[in-house]
Amino acid sequence: RADEVICDCSGTTRGKIISLVEQGIVDTDT
């Protein structure tokens, strides 16, 4: 479900979060 918007305010998708995790970013602040 990579195209699913997970944050309506910013338009952030699941895919964007997955991409950040793949880059080693795993904390909510970053």
PDB file of all heavy atoms in Angstrom:
ATOM      1  N   ARG A   1       0.832  -1.207   0.000  1.00  0.00           N
ATOM      2  CA  ARG A   1       0.000   0.000   0.000  1.00  0.00           C
ATOM      3  C   ARG A   1       0.866   1.258   0.000  1.00  0.00           C
ATOM      4  O   ARG A   1       0.544   2.247   0.651  1.00  0.00           O
ATOM      5  CB  ARG A   1      -0.910  -0.018   1.219  1.00  0.00           C
ATOM      6  CG  ARG A   1      -1.809  -1.237   1.290  1.00  0.00           C
ATOM      7  CD  ARG A   1      -2.679  -1.223   2.517  1.00  0.00           C
ATOM      8  NE  ARG A   1      -1.962  -0.806   3.697  1.00  0.00           N
ATOM      9  CZ  ARG A   1      -1.939  -1.449   4.849  1.00  0.00           C
ATOM     10  NH1 ARG A   1      -2.594  -2.559   4.988  1.00  0.00           N
ATOM     11  NH2 ARG A   1      -1.275  -0.980   5.881  1.00  0.00           N
ATOM     12  N   ALA A   2       1.943   1.237  -0.747  1.00  0.00           N
ATOM     13  CA  ALA A   2       2.930   2.325  -0.727  1.00  0.00           C
ATOM     14  C   ALA A   2       2.333   3.674  -1.105  1.00  0.00           C
ATOM     15  O   ALA A   2       2.780   4.703  -0.604  1.00  0.00           O
ATOM     16  CB  ALA A   2       4.104   1.994  -1.641  1.00  0.00           C
ATOM     17  N   ASP A   3       1.313   3.706  -1.950  1.00  0.00           N
ATOM     18  CA  ASP A   3       0.726   4.971  -2.387  1.00  0.00           C
ATOM     19  C   ASP A   3      -0.307   5.524  -1.399  1.00  0.00           C
ATOM     20  O   ASP A   3      -0.782   6.644  -1.568  1.00  0.00           O
ATOM     21  CB  ASP A   3       0.058   4.814  -3.746  1.00  0.00           C
ATOM     22  CG  ASP A   3       1.071   4.579  -4.852  1.00  0.00           C
ATOM     23  OD1 ASP A   3       2.242   4.966  -4.681  1.00  0.00           O
ATOM     24  OD2 ASP A   3       0.696   3.994  -5.873  1.00  0.00           O
ATOM     25  N   GLU A   4      -0.628   4.750  -0.375  1.00  0.00           N
ATOM     26  CA  GLU A   4      -1.621   5.180   0.601  1.00  0.00           C
ATOM     27  C   GLU A   4      -1.082   6.354   1.428  1.00  0.00           C
ATOM     28  O   GLU A   4       0.028   6.306   1.952  1.00  0.00           O
ATOM     29  CB  GLU A   4      -1.957   4.025   1.535  1.00  0.00           C
ATOM     30  CG  GLU A   4      -2.984   4.370   2.581  1.00  0.00           C
ATOM     31  CD  GLU A   4      -3.252   3.206   3.524  1.00  0.00           C
ATOM     32  OE1 GLU A   4      -2.971   2.053   3.171  1.00  0.00           O
ATOM     33  OE2 GLU A   4      -3.731   3.475   4.635  1.00  0.00           O
ATOM     34  N   VAL A   5      -1.860   7.408   1.518  1.00  0.00           N
ATOM     35  CA  VAL A   5      -1.465   8.568   2.322  1.00  0.00           C
ATOM     36  C   VAL A   5      -1.662   8.204   3.787  1.00  0.00           C
ATOM     37  O   VAL A   5      -2.741   7.799   4.207  1.00  0.00           O
ATOM     38  CB  VAL A   5      -2.295   9.815   1.954  1.00  0.00           C
ATOM     39  CG1 VAL A   5      -1.996  10.964   2.898  1.00  0.00           C
ATOM     40  CG2 VAL A   5      -2.005  10.226   0.516  1.00  0.00           C
ATOM     41  N   ILE A   6      -0.593   8.344   4.552  1.00  0.00           N
ATOM     42  CA  ILE A   6      -0.632   8.010   5.974  1.00  0.00           C
ATOM     43  C   ILE A   6      -0.796   9.272   6.821  1.00  0.00           C
ATOM     44  O   ILE A   6      -1.236   9.209   7.954  1.00  0.00           O
ATOM     45  CB  ILE A   6       0.613   7.194   6.366  1.00  0.00           C
ATOM     46  CG1 ILE A   6       0.407   6.490   7.703  1.00  0.00           C
ATOM     47  CG2 ILE A   6       1.866   8.042   6.382  1.00  0.00           C
ATOM     48  CD1 ILE A   6       1.445   5.431   8.016  1.00  0.00           C
ATOM     49  N   CYS A   7      -0.441  10.438   6.258  1.00  0.00           N
ATOM     50  CA  CYS A   7      -0.608  11.721   6.951  1.00  0.00           C
ATOM     51  C   CYS A   7      -1.333  12.678   6.012  1.00  0.00           C
ATOM     52  O   CYS A   7      -0.764  13.134   5.022  1.00  0.00           O
ATOM     53  CB  CYS A   7       0.747  12.303   7.358  1.00  0.00           C
ATOM     54  SG  CYS A   7       0.634  13.955   8.067  1.00  0.00           S
ATOM     55  N   ASP A   8      -2.583  12.955   6.356  1.00  0.00           N
ATOM     56  CA  ASP A   8      -3.380  13.849   5.509  1.00  0.00           C
ATOM     57  C   ASP A   8      -2.865  15.283   5.530  1.00  0.00           C
ATOM     58  O   ASP A   8      -2.956  15.997   4.540  1.00  0.00           O
ATOM     59  CB  ASP A   8      -4.847  13.830   5.941  1.00  0.00           C
ATOM     60  CG  ASP A   8      -5.523  12.513   5.597  1.00  0.00           C
ATOM     61  OD1 ASP A   8      -5.185  11.929   4.548  1.00  0.00           O
ATOM     62  OD2 ASP A   8      -6.382  12.070   6.378  1.00  0.00           O
ATOM     63  N   CYS A   9      -2.327  15.720   6.655  1.00  0.00           N
ATOM     64  CA  CYS A   9      -1.860  17.109   6.773  1.00  0.00           C
ATOM     65  C   CYS A   9      -0.690  17.406   5.837  1.00  0.00           C
ATOM     66  O   CYS A   9      -0.630  18.464   5.225  1.00  0.00           O
ATOM     67  CB  CYS A   9      -1.456  17.420   8.215  1.00  0.00           C
ATOM     68  SG  CYS A   9      -2.813  17.367   9.388  1.00  0.00           S
ATOM     69  N   SER A  10       0.254  16.458   5.744  1.00  0.00           N
ATOM     70  CA  SER A  10       1.452  16.682   4.926  1.00  0.00           C
ATOM     71  C   SER A  10       1.411  15.940   3.592  1.00  0.00           C
ATOM     72  O   SER A  10       2.244  16.172   2.732  1.00  0.00           O
ATOM     73  CB  SER A  10       2.704  16.244   5.691  1.00  0.00           C
ATOM     74  OG  SER A  10       2.714  14.839   5.838  1.00  0.00           O
ATOM     75  N   GLY A  11       0.464  15.016   3.445  1.00  0.00           N
ATOM     76  CA  GLY A  11       0.396  14.214   2.231  1.00  0.00           C
ATOM     77  C   GLY A  11       1.433  13.103   2.194  1.00  0.00           C
ATOM     78  O   GLY A  11       1.667  12.502   1.144  1.00  0.00           O
ATOM     79  N   THR A  12       2.033  12.797   3.314  1.00  0.00           N
ATOM     80  CA  THR A  12       3.068  11.768   3.380  1.00  0.00           C
ATOM     81  C   THR A  12       2.452  10.392   3.144  1.00  0.00           C
ATOM     82  O   THR A  12       1.455  10.033   3.763  1.00  0.00           O
ATOM     83  CB  THR A  12       3.766  11.782   4.755  1.00  0.00           C
ATOM     84  OG1 THR A  12       4.334  13.072   4.960  1.00  0.00           O
ATOM     85  CG2 THR A  12       4.863  10.735   4.834  1.00  0.00           C
ATOM     86  N   THR A  13       3.084   9.623   2.257  1.00  0.00           N
ATOM     87  CA  THR A  13       2.602   8.287   1.936  1.00  0.00           C
ATOM     88  C   THR A  13       3.368   7.224   2.712  1.00  0.00           C
ATOM     89  O   THR A  13       4.462   7.468   3.223  1.00  0.00           O
ATOM     90  CB  THR A  13       2.764   7.986   0.436  1.00  0.00           C
ATOM     91  OG1 THR A  13       4.164   8.013   0.115  1.00  0.00           O
ATOM     92  CG2 THR A  13       2.004   8.971  -0.428  1.00  0.00           C
ATOM     93  N   ARG A  14       2.782   6.030   2.743  1.00  0.00           N
ATOM     94  CA  ARG A  14       3.470   4.884   3.338  1.00  0.00           C
ATOM     95  C   ARG A  14       4.798   4.669   2.616  1.00  0.00           C
ATOM     96  O   ARG A  14       5.800   4.362   3.233  1.00  0.00           O
ATOM     97  CB  ARG A  14       2.624   3.620   3.207  1.00  0.00           C
ATOM     98  CG  ARG A  14       1.438   3.590   4.116  1.00  0.00           C
ATOM     99  CD  ARG A  14       0.637   2.300   3.902  1.00  0.00           C
ATOM    100  NE  ARG A  14      -0.246   2.062   5.005  1.00  0.00           N
ATOM    101  CZ  ARG A  14       0.108   1.560   6.167  1.00  0.00           C
ATOM    102  NH1 ARG A  14       1.344   1.253   6.386  1.00  0.00           N
ATOM    103  NH2 ARG A  14      -0.773   1.374   7.124  1.00  0.00           N
ATOM    104  N   GLY A  15       4.797   4.827   1.303  1.00  0.00           N
ATOM    105  CA  GLY A  15       6.008   4.634   0.512  1.00  0.00           C
ATOM    106  C   GLY A  15       7.137   5.561   0.933  1.00  0.00           C
ATOM    107  O   GLY A  15       8.306   5.170   0.958  1.00  0.00           O
ATOM    108  N   LYS A  16       6.805   6.800   1.278  1.00  0.00           N
ATOM    109  CA  LYS A  16       7.817   7.751   1.734  1.00  0.00           C
ATOM    110  C   LYS A  16       8.419   7.290   3.064  1.00  0.00           C
ATOM    111  O   LYS A  16       9.641   7.345   3.252  1.00  0.00           O
ATOM    112  CB  LYS A  16       7.204   9.156   1.878  1.00  0.00           C
ATOM    113  CG  LYS A  16       8.186  10.199   2.361  1.00  0.00           C
ATOM    114  CD  LYS A  16       9.354  10.383   1.393  1.00  0.00           C
ATOM    115  CE  LYS A  16      10.280  11.482   1.874  1.00  0.00           C
ATOM    116  NZ  LYS A  16      11.470  11.600   1.045  1.00  0.00           N
ATOM    117  N   ILE A  17       7.574   6.813   3.968  1.00  0.00           N
ATOM    118  CA  ILE A  17       8.070   6.311   5.251  1.00  0.00           C
ATOM    119  C   ILE A  17       8.948   5.083   5.012  1.00  0.00           C
ATOM    120  O   ILE A  17      10.032   4.959   5.593  1.00  0.00           O
ATOM    121  CB  ILE A  17       6.910   5.954   6.201  1.00  0.00           C
ATOM    122  CG1 ILE A  17       5.977   7.139   6.425  1.00  0.00           C
ATOM    123  CG2 ILE A  17       7.443   5.387   7.519  1.00  0.00           C
ATOM    124  CD1 ILE A  17       6.556   8.303   7.170  1.00  0.00           C
ATOM    125  N   ILE A  18       8.511   4.196   4.147  1.00  0.00           N
ATOM    126  CA  ILE A  18       9.291   2.997   3.824  1.00  0.00           C
ATOM    127  C   ILE A  18      10.654   3.403   3.268  1.00  0.00           C
ATOM    128  O   ILE A  18      11.686   2.849   3.642  1.00  0.00           O
ATOM    129  CB  ILE A  18       8.528   2.091   2.836  1.00  0.00           C
ATOM    130  CG1 ILE A  18       7.289   1.498   3.523  1.00  0.00           C
ATOM    131  CG2 ILE A  18       9.429   0.995   2.281  1.00  0.00           C
ATOM    132  CD1 ILE A  18       6.298   0.863   2.572  1.00  0.00           C
ATOM    133  N   SER A  19      10.674   4.384   2.377  1.00  0.00           N
ATOM    134  CA  SER A  19      11.922   4.865   1.791  1.00  0.00           C
ATOM    135  C   SER A  19      12.861   5.411   2.865  1.00  0.00           C
ATOM    136  O   SER A  19      14.067   5.141   2.843  1.00  0.00           O
ATOM    137  CB  SER A  19      11.621   5.945   0.751  1.00  0.00           C
ATOM    138  OG  SER A  19      12.802   6.514   0.254  1.00  0.00           O
ATOM    139  N   LEU A  20      12.327   6.171   3.802  1.00  0.00           N
ATOM    140  CA  LEU A  20      13.157   6.717   4.874  1.00  0.00           C
ATOM    141  C   LEU A  20      13.721   5.601   5.753  1.00  0.00           C
ATOM    142  O   LEU A  20      14.896   5.630   6.127  1.00  0.00           O
ATOM    143  CB  LEU A  20      12.352   7.709   5.717  1.00  0.00           C
ATOM    144  CG  LEU A  20      11.981   9.012   5.014  1.00  0.00           C
ATOM    145  CD1 LEU A  20      11.032   9.830   5.873  1.00  0.00           C
ATOM    146  CD2 LEU A  20      13.216   9.816   4.657  1.00  0.00           C
ATOM    147  N   VAL A  21      12.898   4.609   6.053  1.00  0.00           N
ATOM    148  CA  VAL A  21      13.374   3.472   6.859  1.00  0.00           C
ATOM    149  C   VAL A  21      14.487   2.734   6.115  1.00  0.00           C
ATOM    150  O   VAL A  21      15.490   2.346   6.716  1.00  0.00           O
ATOM    151  CB  VAL A  21      12.209   2.531   7.223  1.00  0.00           C
ATOM    152  CG1 VAL A  21      12.720   1.226   7.831  1.00  0.00           C
ATOM    153  CG2 VAL A  21      11.245   3.229   8.182  1.00  0.00           C
ATOM    154  N   GLU A  22      14.322   2.566   4.819  1.00  0.00           N
ATOM    155  CA  GLU A  22      15.364   1.912   4.010  1.00  0.00           C
ATOM    156  C   GLU A  22      16.672   2.697   4.036  1.00  0.00           C
ATOM    157  O   GLU A  22      17.744   2.131   3.854  1.00  0.00           O
ATOM    158  CB  GLU A  22      14.878   1.714   2.581  1.00  0.00           C
ATOM    159  CG  GLU A  22      13.816   0.641   2.465  1.00  0.00           C
ATOM    160  CD  GLU A  22      13.158   0.578   1.093  1.00  0.00           C
ATOM    161  OE1 GLU A  22      13.329   1.534   0.287  1.00  0.00           O
ATOM    162  OE2 GLU A  22      12.462  -0.417   0.832  1.00  0.00           O
ATOM    163  N   GLN A  23      16.592   4.006   4.292  1.00  0.00           N
ATOM    164  CA  GLN A  23      17.780   4.855   4.401  1.00  0.00           C
ATOM    165  C   GLN A  23      18.331   4.871   5.822  1.00  0.00           C
ATOM    166  O   GLN A  23      19.304   5.570   6.112  1.00  0.00           O
ATOM    167  CB  GLN A  23      17.436   6.291   3.979  1.00  0.00           C
ATOM    168  CG  GLN A  23      17.029   6.430   2.531  1.00  0.00           C
ATOM    169  CD  GLN A  23      16.505   7.820   2.241  1.00  0.00           C
ATOM    170  OE1 GLN A  23      17.104   8.815   2.625  1.00  0.00           O
ATOM    171  NE2 GLN A  23      15.362   7.892   1.578  1.00  0.00           N
ATOM    172  N   GLY A  24      17.690   4.131   6.718  1.00  0.00           N
ATOM    173  CA  GLY A  24      18.157   4.046   8.095  1.00  0.00           C
ATOM    174  C   GLY A  24      17.498   5.016   9.051  1.00  0.00           C
ATOM    175  O   GLY A  24      17.884   5.119  10.208  1.00  0.00           O
ATOM    176  N   ILE A  25      16.498   5.741   8.580  1.00  0.00           N
ATOM    177  CA  ILE A  25      15.791   6.699   9.430  1.00  0.00           C
ATOM    178  C   ILE A  25      14.612   5.975  10.061  1.00  0.00           C
ATOM    179  O   ILE A  25      13.658   5.611   9.373  1.00  0.00           O
ATOM    180  CB  ILE A  25      15.326   7.918   8.617  1.00  0.00           C
ATOM    181  CG1 ILE A  25      16.545   8.626   8.042  1.00  0.00           C
ATOM    182  CG2 ILE A  25      14.476   8.848   9.469  1.00  0.00           C
ATOM    183  CD1 ILE A  25      16.238   9.648   6.990  1.00  0.00           C
ATOM    184  N   VAL A  26      14.703   5.756  11.368  1.00  0.00           N
ATOM    185  CA  VAL A  26      13.699   4.940  12.033  1.00  0.00           C
ATOM    186  C   VAL A  26      13.075   5.608  13.255  1.00  0.00           C
ATOM    187  O   VAL A  26      12.383   4.964  14.031  1.00  0.00           O
ATOM    188  CB  VAL A  26      14.277   3.559  12.430  1.00  0.00           C
ATOM    189  CG1 VAL A  26      14.663   2.767  11.198  1.00  0.00           C
ATOM    190  CG2 VAL A  26      15.464   3.717  13.360  1.00  0.00           C
ATOM    191  N   ASP A  27      13.315   6.900  13.436  1.00  0.00           N
ATOM    192  CA  ASP A  27      12.705   7.572  14.584  1.00  0.00           C
ATOM    193  C   ASP A  27      11.686   8.606  14.103  1.00  0.00           C
ATOM    194  O   ASP A  27      11.864   9.238  13.056  1.00  0.00           O
ATOM    195  CB  ASP A  27      13.770   8.225  15.476  1.00  0.00           C
ATOM    196  CG  ASP A  27      14.513   9.335  14.767  1.00  0.00           C
ATOM    197  OD1 ASP A  27      15.418   9.026  13.958  1.00  0.00           O
ATOM    198  OD2 ASP A  27      14.173  10.499  15.019  1.00  0.00           O
ATOM    199  N   THR A  28      10.639   8.764  14.878  1.00  0.00           N
ATOM    200  CA  THR A  28       9.544   9.632  14.460  1.00  0.00           C
ATOM    201  C   THR A  28       9.937  11.100  14.379  1.00  0.00           C
ATOM    202  O   THR A  28       9.395  11.831  13.545  1.00  0.00           O
ATOM    203  CB  THR A  28       8.323   9.475  15.390  1.00  0.00           C
ATOM    204  OG1 THR A  28       8.724   9.701  16.738  1.00  0.00           O
ATOM    205  CG2 THR A  28       7.715   8.092  15.258  1.00  0.00           C
ATOM    206  N   ASP A  29      10.872  11.546  15.203  1.00  0.00           N
ATOM    207  CA  ASP A  29      11.296  12.949  15.135  1.00  0.00           C
ATOM    208  C   ASP A  29      11.922  13.278  13.782  1.00  0.00           C
ATOM    209  O   ASP A  29      11.598  14.298  13.170  1.00  0.00           O
ATOM    210  CB  ASP A  29      12.293  13.279  16.256  1.00  0.00           C
ATOM    211  CG  ASP A  29      11.649  13.329  17.626  1.00  0.00           C
ATOM    212  OD1 ASP A  29      10.414  13.509  17.707  1.00  0.00           O
ATOM    213  OD2 ASP A  29      12.378  13.181  18.619  1.00  0.00           O
ATOM    214  N   THR A  30      12.820  12.426  13.315  1.00  0.00           N
ATOM    215  CA  THR A  30      13.465  12.667  12.021  1.00  0.00           C
ATOM    216  C   THR A  30      12.470  12.509  10.882  1.00  0.00           C
ATOM    217  O   THR A  30      12.472  13.301   9.934  1.00  0.00           O
ATOM    218  CB  THR A  30      14.667  11.721  11.832  1.00  0.00           C
ATOM    219  OG1 THR A  30      15.556  11.885  12.932  1.00  0.00           O
ATOM    220  CG2 THR A  30      15.408  12.027  10.538  1.00  0.00           C
TER     221      THR A  30
END
